[in-house]
PDB file of N, CA and C in Angstrom:
ATOM      1  N   UNK A   1      19.663 106.230 116.598  1.00  0.00           N
ATOM      2  CA  UNK A   1      18.358 106.019 116.082  1.00  0.00           C
ATOM      3  C   UNK A   1      17.506 105.691 117.553  1.00  0.00           C
ATOM      4  N   UNK A   2      16.410 106.562 117.856  1.00  0.00           N
ATOM      5  CA  UNK A   2      15.589 106.511 118.717  1.00  0.00           C
ATOM      6  C   UNK A   2      14.341 105.110 118.610  1.00  0.00           C
ATOM      7  N   UNK A   3      14.138 105.368 119.670  1.00  0.00           N
ATOM      8  CA  UNK A   3      12.726 104.151 119.390  1.00  0.00           C
ATOM      9  C   UNK A   3      11.843 105.458 118.803  1.00  0.00           C
ATOM     10  N   UNK A   4      11.270 106.460 119.089  1.00  0.00           N
ATOM     11  CA  UNK A   4      10.793 107.201 118.322  1.00  0.00           C
ATOM     12  C   UNK A   4      10.775 107.059 116.882  1.00  0.00           C
ATOM     13  N   UNK A   5      11.750 106.955 116.354  1.00  0.00           N
ATOM     14  CA  UNK A   5      12.264 107.076 114.834  1.00  0.00           C
ATOM     15  C   UNK A   5      12.190 105.687 114.556  1.00  0.00           C
ATOM     16  N   UNK A   6      12.632 105.038 115.056  1.00  0.00           N
ATOM     17  CA  UNK A   6      12.235 103.448 114.255  1.00  0.00           C
ATOM     18  C   UNK A   6      10.841 103.323 114.484  1.00  0.00           C
ATOM     19  N   UNK A   7      10.310 103.511 115.675  1.00  0.00           N
ATOM     20  CA  UNK A   7       8.453 103.613 115.178  1.00  0.00           C
ATOM     21  C   UNK A   7       8.237 104.557 114.086  1.00  0.00           C
ATOM     22  N   UNK A   8       8.453 105.578 113.649  1.00  0.00           N
ATOM     23  CA  UNK A   8       8.358 106.433 112.459  1.00  0.00           C
ATOM     24  C   UNK A   8       8.300 105.727 111.179  1.00  0.00           C
ATOM     25  N   UNK A   9       9.911 105.124 111.134  1.00  0.00           N
ATOM     26  CA  UNK A   9      10.000 103.975 110.151  1.00  0.00           C
ATOM     27  C   UNK A   9       9.067 103.060 110.002  1.00  0.00           C
ATOM     28  N   UNK A  10       8.972 102.306 111.007  1.00  0.00           N
ATOM     29  CA  UNK A  10       7.756 101.210 110.618  1.00  0.00           C
ATOM     30  C   UNK A  10       6.658 101.296 110.165  1.00  0.00           C
ATOM     31  N   UNK A  11       5.822 102.426 110.410  1.00  0.00           N
ATOM     32  CA  UNK A  11       4.439 103.011 110.145  1.00  0.00           C
ATOM     33  C   UNK A  11       5.017 103.625 108.433  1.00  0.00           C
ATOM     34  N   UNK A  12       6.010 104.075 108.453  1.00  0.00           N
ATOM     35  CA  UNK A  12       5.897 104.635 106.726  1.00  0.00           C
ATOM     36  C   UNK A  12       6.203 103.646 106.059  1.00  0.00           C
ATOM     37  N   UNK A  13       6.969 102.682 106.514  1.00  0.00           N
ATOM     38  CA  UNK A  13       6.682 101.172 105.800  1.00  0.00           C
ATOM     39  C   UNK A  13       5.653 100.188 105.551  1.00  0.00           C
ATOM     40  N   UNK A  14       4.887 100.197 106.228  1.00  0.00           N
ATOM     41  CA  UNK A  14       3.838  99.910 106.361  1.00  0.00           C
ATOM     42  C   UNK A  14       3.061 100.233 105.906  1.00  0.00           C
ATOM     43  N   UNK A  15       2.844 102.400 105.615  1.00  0.00           N
ATOM     44  CA  UNK A  15       2.033 102.931 104.787  1.00  0.00           C
ATOM     45  C   UNK A  15       2.381 102.686 103.262  1.00  0.00           C
ATOM     46  N   UNK A  16       3.719 102.170 102.911  1.00  0.00           N
ATOM     47  CA  UNK A  16       4.271 101.501 101.814  1.00  0.00           C
ATOM     48  C   UNK A  16       3.594 100.487 101.201  1.00  0.00           C
ATOM     49  N   UNK A  17       3.918  99.727 102.035  1.00  0.00           N
ATOM     50  CA  UNK A  17       3.046  98.048 101.997  1.00  0.00           C
ATOM     51  C   UNK A  17       1.662  98.238 101.698  1.00  0.00           C
ATOM     52  N   UNK A  18       1.225  98.892 102.667  1.00  0.00           N
ATOM     53  CA  UNK A  18      -0.127  99.143 102.136  1.00  0.00           C
ATOM     54  C   UNK A  18      -0.227  99.622 100.650  1.00  0.00           C
ATOM     55  N   UNK A  19      -0.100 100.392 100.494  1.00  0.00           N
ATOM     56  CA  UNK A  19      -0.635 101.504  99.408  1.00  0.00           C
ATOM     57  C   UNK A  19       0.749 100.537  97.974  1.00  0.00           C
ATOM     58  N   UNK A  20       1.237  99.640  98.515  1.00  0.00           N
ATOM     59  CA  UNK A  20       1.987  98.939  97.160  1.00  0.00           C
ATOM     60  C   UNK A  20       3.151  99.813  96.415  1.00  0.00           C
ATOM     61  N   UNK A  21       3.097 101.072  97.652  1.00  0.00           N
ATOM     62  CA  UNK A  21       4.882 101.663  96.587  1.00  0.00           C
ATOM     63  C   UNK A  21       5.769 101.631  97.735  1.00  0.00           C
ATOM     64  N   UNK A  22       7.161 102.846  97.524  1.00  0.00           N
ATOM     65  CA  UNK A  22       7.666 102.835  97.799  1.00  0.00           C
ATOM     66  C   UNK A  22       8.011 104.090  99.488  1.00  0.00           C
ATOM     67  N   UNK A  23       8.646 103.724 100.001  1.00  0.00           N
ATOM     68  CA  UNK A  23       8.910 104.517 101.189  1.00  0.00           C
ATOM     69  C   UNK A  23       9.324 105.882 100.882  1.00  0.00           C
ATOM     70  N   UNK A  24       9.556 106.575  99.388  1.00  0.00           N
ATOM     71  CA  UNK A  24       9.958 107.187  98.707  1.00  0.00           C
ATOM     72  C   UNK A  24       8.231 107.840  98.867  1.00  0.00           C
ATOM     73  N   UNK A  25       8.002 107.184  97.675  1.00  0.00           N
ATOM     74  CA  UNK A  25       6.323 107.702  96.955  1.00  0.00           C
ATOM     75  C   UNK A  25       5.707 108.390  98.331  1.00  0.00           C
ATOM     76  N   UNK A  26       6.033 107.282  99.740  1.00  0.00           N
ATOM     77  CA  UNK A  26       5.389 107.801 100.581  1.00  0.00           C
ATOM     78  C   UNK A  26       5.643 108.775 101.190  1.00  0.00           C
ATOM     79  N   UNK A  27       6.762 109.536 101.713  1.00  0.00           N
ATOM     80  CA  UNK A  27       7.194 110.715 101.894  1.00  0.00           C
ATOM     81  C   UNK A  27       6.815 112.146 100.802  1.00  0.00           C
ATOM     82  N   UNK A  28       6.748 111.285  99.043  1.00  0.00           N
ATOM     83  CA  UNK A  28       6.326 112.819  98.039  1.00  0.00           C
ATOM     84  C   UNK A  28       5.472 112.671  98.465  1.00  0.00           C
ATOM     85  N   UNK A  29       3.970 111.847  98.991  1.00  0.00           N
ATOM     86  CA  UNK A  29       3.230 112.207  99.335  1.00  0.00           C
ATOM     87  C   UNK A  29       2.531 113.106 100.330  1.00  0.00           C
ATOM     88  N   UNK A  30       3.498 112.475 101.350  1.00  0.00           N
ATOM     89  CA  UNK A  30       2.840 113.497 102.418  1.00  0.00           C
ATOM     90  C   UNK A  30       3.614 114.919 102.111  1.00  0.00           C
ATOM     91  N   UNK A  31       4.450 115.378 101.692  1.00  0.00           N
ATOM     92  CA  UNK A  31       5.130 116.441 101.130  1.00  0.00           C
ATOM     93  C   UNK A  31       4.065 117.371 100.337  1.00  0.00           C
ATOM     94  N   UNK A  32       3.799 116.617 100.155  1.00  0.00           N
ATOM     95  CA  UNK A  32       2.221 116.944  98.517  1.00  0.00           C
ATOM     96  C   UNK A  32       1.342 117.768  99.449  1.00  0.00           C
ATOM     97  N   UNK A  33       0.999 116.902 100.228  1.00  0.00           N
ATOM     98  CA  UNK A  33      -0.114 117.048 101.382  1.00  0.00           C
ATOM     99  C   UNK A  33      -0.188 118.431 102.641  1.00  0.00           C
ATOM    100  N   UNK A  34       1.566 118.279 102.519  1.00  0.00           N
ATOM    101  CA  UNK A  34       1.677 119.268 103.583  1.00  0.00           C
ATOM    102  C   UNK A  34       1.758 118.517 105.054  1.00  0.00           C
ATOM    103  N   UNK A  35       2.201 117.497 104.774  1.00  0.00           N
ATOM    104  CA  UNK A  35       2.119 116.648 106.059  1.00  0.00           C
ATOM    105  C   UNK A  35       3.801 116.270 106.494  1.00  0.00           C
ATOM    106  N   UNK A  36       4.235 116.238 107.677  1.00  0.00           N
ATOM    107  CA  UNK A  36       5.827 116.325 107.919  1.00  0.00           C
ATOM    108  C   UNK A  36       5.854 114.997 108.241  1.00  0.00           C
ATOM    109  N   UNK A  37       6.490 114.373 107.158  1.00  0.00           N
ATOM    110  CA  UNK A  37       7.039 112.854 107.674  1.00  0.00           C
ATOM    111  C   UNK A  37       8.546 113.037 107.944  1.00  0.00           C
ATOM    112  N   UNK A  38       9.045 112.716 108.959  1.00  0.00           N
ATOM    113  CA  UNK A  38      10.750 112.117 109.128  1.00  0.00           C
ATOM    114  C   UNK A  38      11.111 113.041 110.499  1.00  0.00           C
ATOM    115  N   UNK A  39      12.283 113.446 110.141  1.00  0.00           N
ATOM    116  CA  UNK A  39      12.866 114.411 111.187  1.00  0.00           C
ATOM    117  C   UNK A  39      12.014 115.514 111.305  1.00  0.00           C
ATOM    118  N   UNK A  40      11.914 116.363 112.483  1.00  0.00           N
ATOM    119  CA  UNK A  40      11.829 117.794 112.668  1.00  0.00           C
ATOM    120  C   UNK A  40      13.178 118.065 111.997  1.00  0.00           C
ATOM    121  N   UNK A  41      12.867 119.960 111.746  1.00  0.00           N
ATOM    122  CA  UNK A  41      13.438 121.097 111.156  1.00  0.00           C
ATOM    123  C   UNK A  41      14.779 121.177 112.024  1.00  0.00           C
ATOM    124  N   UNK A  42      14.508 120.713 113.539  1.00  0.00           N
ATOM    125  CA  UNK A  42      15.866 121.137 114.136  1.00  0.00           C
ATOM    126  C   UNK A  42      16.371 120.048 114.187  1.00  0.00           C
ATOM    127  N   UNK A  43      15.713 118.929 114.415  1.00  0.00           N
ATOM    128  CA  UNK A  43      17.028 117.743 114.050  1.00  0.00           C
ATOM    129  C   UNK A  43      17.521 117.232 112.891  1.00  0.00           C
ATOM    130  N   UNK A  44      16.886 117.899 111.675  1.00  0.00           N
ATOM    131  CA  UNK A  44      17.504 117.801 110.283  1.00  0.00           C
ATOM    132  C   UNK A  44      19.215 118.674 109.906  1.00  0.00           C
ATOM    133  N   UNK A  45      18.592 120.083 110.983  1.00  0.00           N
ATOM    134  CA  UNK A  45      19.307 120.920 111.432  1.00  0.00           C
ATOM    135  C   UNK A  45      20.755 120.258 111.769  1.00  0.00           C
ATOM    136  N   UNK A  46      20.846 120.096 112.847  1.00  0.00           N
ATOM    137  CA  UNK A  46      21.119 118.687 113.844  1.00  0.00           C
ATOM    138  C   UNK A  46      22.463 118.348 113.227  1.00  0.00           C
ATOM    139  N   UNK A  47      21.556 117.524 112.506  1.00  0.00           N
ATOM    140  CA  UNK A  47      22.681 116.093 111.995  1.00  0.00           C
ATOM    141  C   UNK A  47      23.012 116.602 110.755  1.00  0.00           C
ATOM    142  N   UNK A  48      22.826 117.694 110.208  1.00  0.00           N
ATOM    143  CA  UNK A  48      23.512 118.650 108.594  1.00  0.00           C
ATOM    144  C   UNK A  48      24.908 118.980 109.886  1.00  0.00           C
ATOM    145  N   UNK A  49      24.767 119.621 110.847  1.00  0.00           N
ATOM    146  CA  UNK A  49      26.218 120.120 111.692  1.00  0.00           C
ATOM    147  C   UNK A  49      26.811 119.109 112.008  1.00  0.00           C
ATOM    148  N   UNK A  50      26.435 118.298 112.263  1.00  0.00           N
ATOM    149  CA  UNK A  50      27.077 116.863 112.711  1.00  0.00           C
ATOM    150  C   UNK A  50      27.814 116.587 111.979  1.00  0.00           C
ATOM    151  N   UNK A  51      27.384 115.915 110.432  1.00  0.00           N
ATOM    152  CA  UNK A  51      27.704 115.504 109.625  1.00  0.00           C
ATOM    153  C   UNK A  51      28.795 116.555 109.049  1.00  0.00           C
ATOM    154  N   UNK A  52      28.675 117.643 109.088  1.00  0.00           N
ATOM    155  CA  UNK A  52      29.844 118.759 108.671  1.00  0.00           C
ATOM    156  C   UNK A  52      30.885 119.253 109.346  1.00  0.00           C
ATOM    157  N   UNK A  53      31.075 118.290 110.896  1.00  0.00           N
ATOM    158  CA  UNK A  53      31.842 118.154 111.603  1.00  0.00           C
ATOM    159  C   UNK A  53      32.844 116.856 111.556  1.00  0.00           C
ATOM    160  N   UNK A  54      31.902 116.403 110.955  1.00  0.00           N
ATOM    161  CA  UNK A  54      32.560 115.060 111.049  1.00  0.00           C
ATOM    162  C   UNK A  54      33.638 114.860 109.491  1.00  0.00           C
ATOM    163  N   UNK A  55      33.346 115.503 108.565  1.00  0.00           N
ATOM    164  CA  UNK A  55      33.524 115.863 107.644  1.00  0.00           C
ATOM    165  C   UNK A  55      35.390 116.709 107.315  1.00  0.00           C
ATOM    166  N   UNK A  56      35.212 117.404 108.752  1.00  0.00           N
ATOM    167  CA  UNK A  56      36.320 118.185 108.720  1.00  0.00           C
ATOM    168  C   UNK A  56      37.725 117.794 109.482  1.00  0.00           C
TER     169      UNK A  56
END
């Protein structure tokens, strides 16, 4: 986990705390507003590829 990922998690956690909701709700709300929260698409694909390689 990189510093950038940790920082993003901290921001999402703080937003959830301020909104009295869960981090999943923050992600859902962001998605409804077409905001990117979390890993970029290319990072998600790389993670899936790595996971698939581990499973084989």
